[in-house]
Amino acid sequence: MRFGFVNGVNNEESSCSPAQVSRLAASGVEVVVTRGSAYNDADYVNAGAQIADSAEEIYSTCDFVAQVQECAKQRCYRPAYYPARVFS
């Protein structure tokens, strides 16, 4: 199984941390992340991930893809949504 994690709209966001990559890789999952995310690429490689040059590469080669997406203000800031997590 190949999991891909694509950067958010700005590269300061990441849908997966190196610690999460390490746990996935330890369970036998192949992990691919886009270059230039919020964390250092070397940290991802040390955790067991491969680095992709583009989101298109991830979309075309992975079985599962996660991406950070800015959520609508009315959903993110309503107290009724806390502490639930919003997945997009």
Protein backbone atom coordinates (compact mmCIF):
# COMPACT_ATOMS: atom_id res chain seq x y z
CA MET A 1 0.00 0.00 0.00
CA ARG A 2 1.33 3.42 -0.98
CA PHE A 3 0.22 6.53 0.92
CA GLY A 4 0.86 9.99 -0.50
CA PHE A 5 0.77 13.27 1.40
CA VAL A 6 0.47 16.49 -0.59
CA ASN A 7 1.38 19.95 0.76
CA GLY A 8 -1.30 22.50 1.47
CA VAL A 9 -1.89 25.57 -0.67
CA ASN A 10 1.04 27.26 1.03
CA ASN A 11 4.00 25.03 1.77
CA GLU A 12 3.84 25.83 5.48
CA GLU A 13 1.20 23.15 5.89
CA SER A 14 1.71 19.43 5.84
CA SER A 15 -0.80 16.62 6.11
CA CYS A 16 1.71 14.29 7.78
CA SER A 17 4.63 14.79 10.17
CA PRO A 18 7.89 12.81 10.07
CA ALA A 19 6.79 11.04 13.29
CA GLN A 20 3.59 9.89 11.56
CA VAL A 21 5.61 8.78 8.53
CA SER A 22 7.81 6.71 10.81
CA ARG A 23 4.80 4.91 12.31
CA LEU A 24 3.31 4.22 8.89
CA ALA A 25 6.62 2.99 7.47
CA ALA A 26 7.13 0.72 10.50
CA SER A 27 3.79 -0.92 9.72
CA GLY A 28 4.86 -1.66 6.14
CA VAL A 29 3.23 1.27 4.35
CA GLU A 30 5.18 3.00 1.58
CA VAL A 31 4.95 6.76 2.21
CA VAL A 32 5.50 9.53 -0.33
CA VAL A 33 5.42 13.26 0.49
CA THR A 34 5.77 16.30 -1.74
CA ARG A 35 9.05 18.18 -1.66
CA GLY A 36 9.22 21.40 0.36
CA SER A 37 6.61 20.81 3.03
CA ALA A 38 6.50 22.37 6.49
CA TYR A 39 9.11 19.87 7.67
CA ASN A 40 12.59 19.32 6.30
CA ASP A 41 12.75 16.81 3.43
CA ALA A 42 15.66 15.04 5.13
CA ASP A 43 13.48 14.44 8.22
CA TYR A 44 10.91 12.70 6.03
CA VAL A 45 13.57 10.57 4.33
CA ASN A 46 15.06 9.61 7.71
CA ALA A 47 11.57 8.60 8.85
CA GLY A 48 11.19 6.30 5.83
CA ALA A 49 9.38 8.42 3.23
CA GLN A 50 10.15 8.98 -0.41
CA ILE A 51 10.08 12.55 -1.73
CA ALA A 52 7.98 13.41 -4.80
CA ASP A 53 8.63 16.47 -6.94
CA SER A 54 4.95 17.21 -7.53
CA ALA A 55 1.42 16.50 -6.37
CA GLU A 56 0.72 14.97 -9.78
CA GLU A 57 3.38 12.34 -9.13
CA ILE A 58 1.66 11.40 -5.87
CA TYR A 59 -1.83 11.34 -7.41
CA SER A 60 -0.65 9.06 -10.20
CA THR A 61 1.30 6.56 -8.09
CA CYS A 62 -0.38 6.28 -4.67
CA ASP A 63 -3.30 4.20 -3.42
CA PHE A 64 -4.29 6.75 -0.77
CA VAL A 65 -3.74 10.53 -0.91
CA ALA A 66 -4.21 13.12 1.86
CA GLN A 67 -3.91 16.86 1.41
CA VAL A 68 -4.34 19.83 3.70
CA GLN A 69 -7.10 22.08 2.48
CA GLU A 70 -8.19 25.32 4.02
CA CYS A 71 -11.63 24.82 5.52
CA ALA A 72 -14.47 27.31 5.25
CA LYS A 73 -14.46 29.91 8.02
CA GLN A 74 -17.96 29.05 9.15
CA ARG A 75 -16.89 25.44 9.76
CA CYS A 76 -13.50 26.04 11.36
CA TYR A 77 -14.42 28.69 13.90
CA ARG A 78 -17.76 27.45 15.22
CA PRO A 79 -17.36 26.19 18.81
CA ALA A 80 -19.64 23.24 18.00
CA TYR A 81 -16.82 21.71 15.96
CA TYR A 82 -14.30 21.60 18.79
CA PRO A 83 -12.59 19.29 19.68
CA ALA A 84 -13.64 17.32 16.58
CA ARG A 85 -11.19 17.23 13.71
CA VAL A 86 -12.21 18.39 10.26
CA PHE A 87 -10.95 16.23 7.40
CA SER A 88 -11.02 17.56 3.86
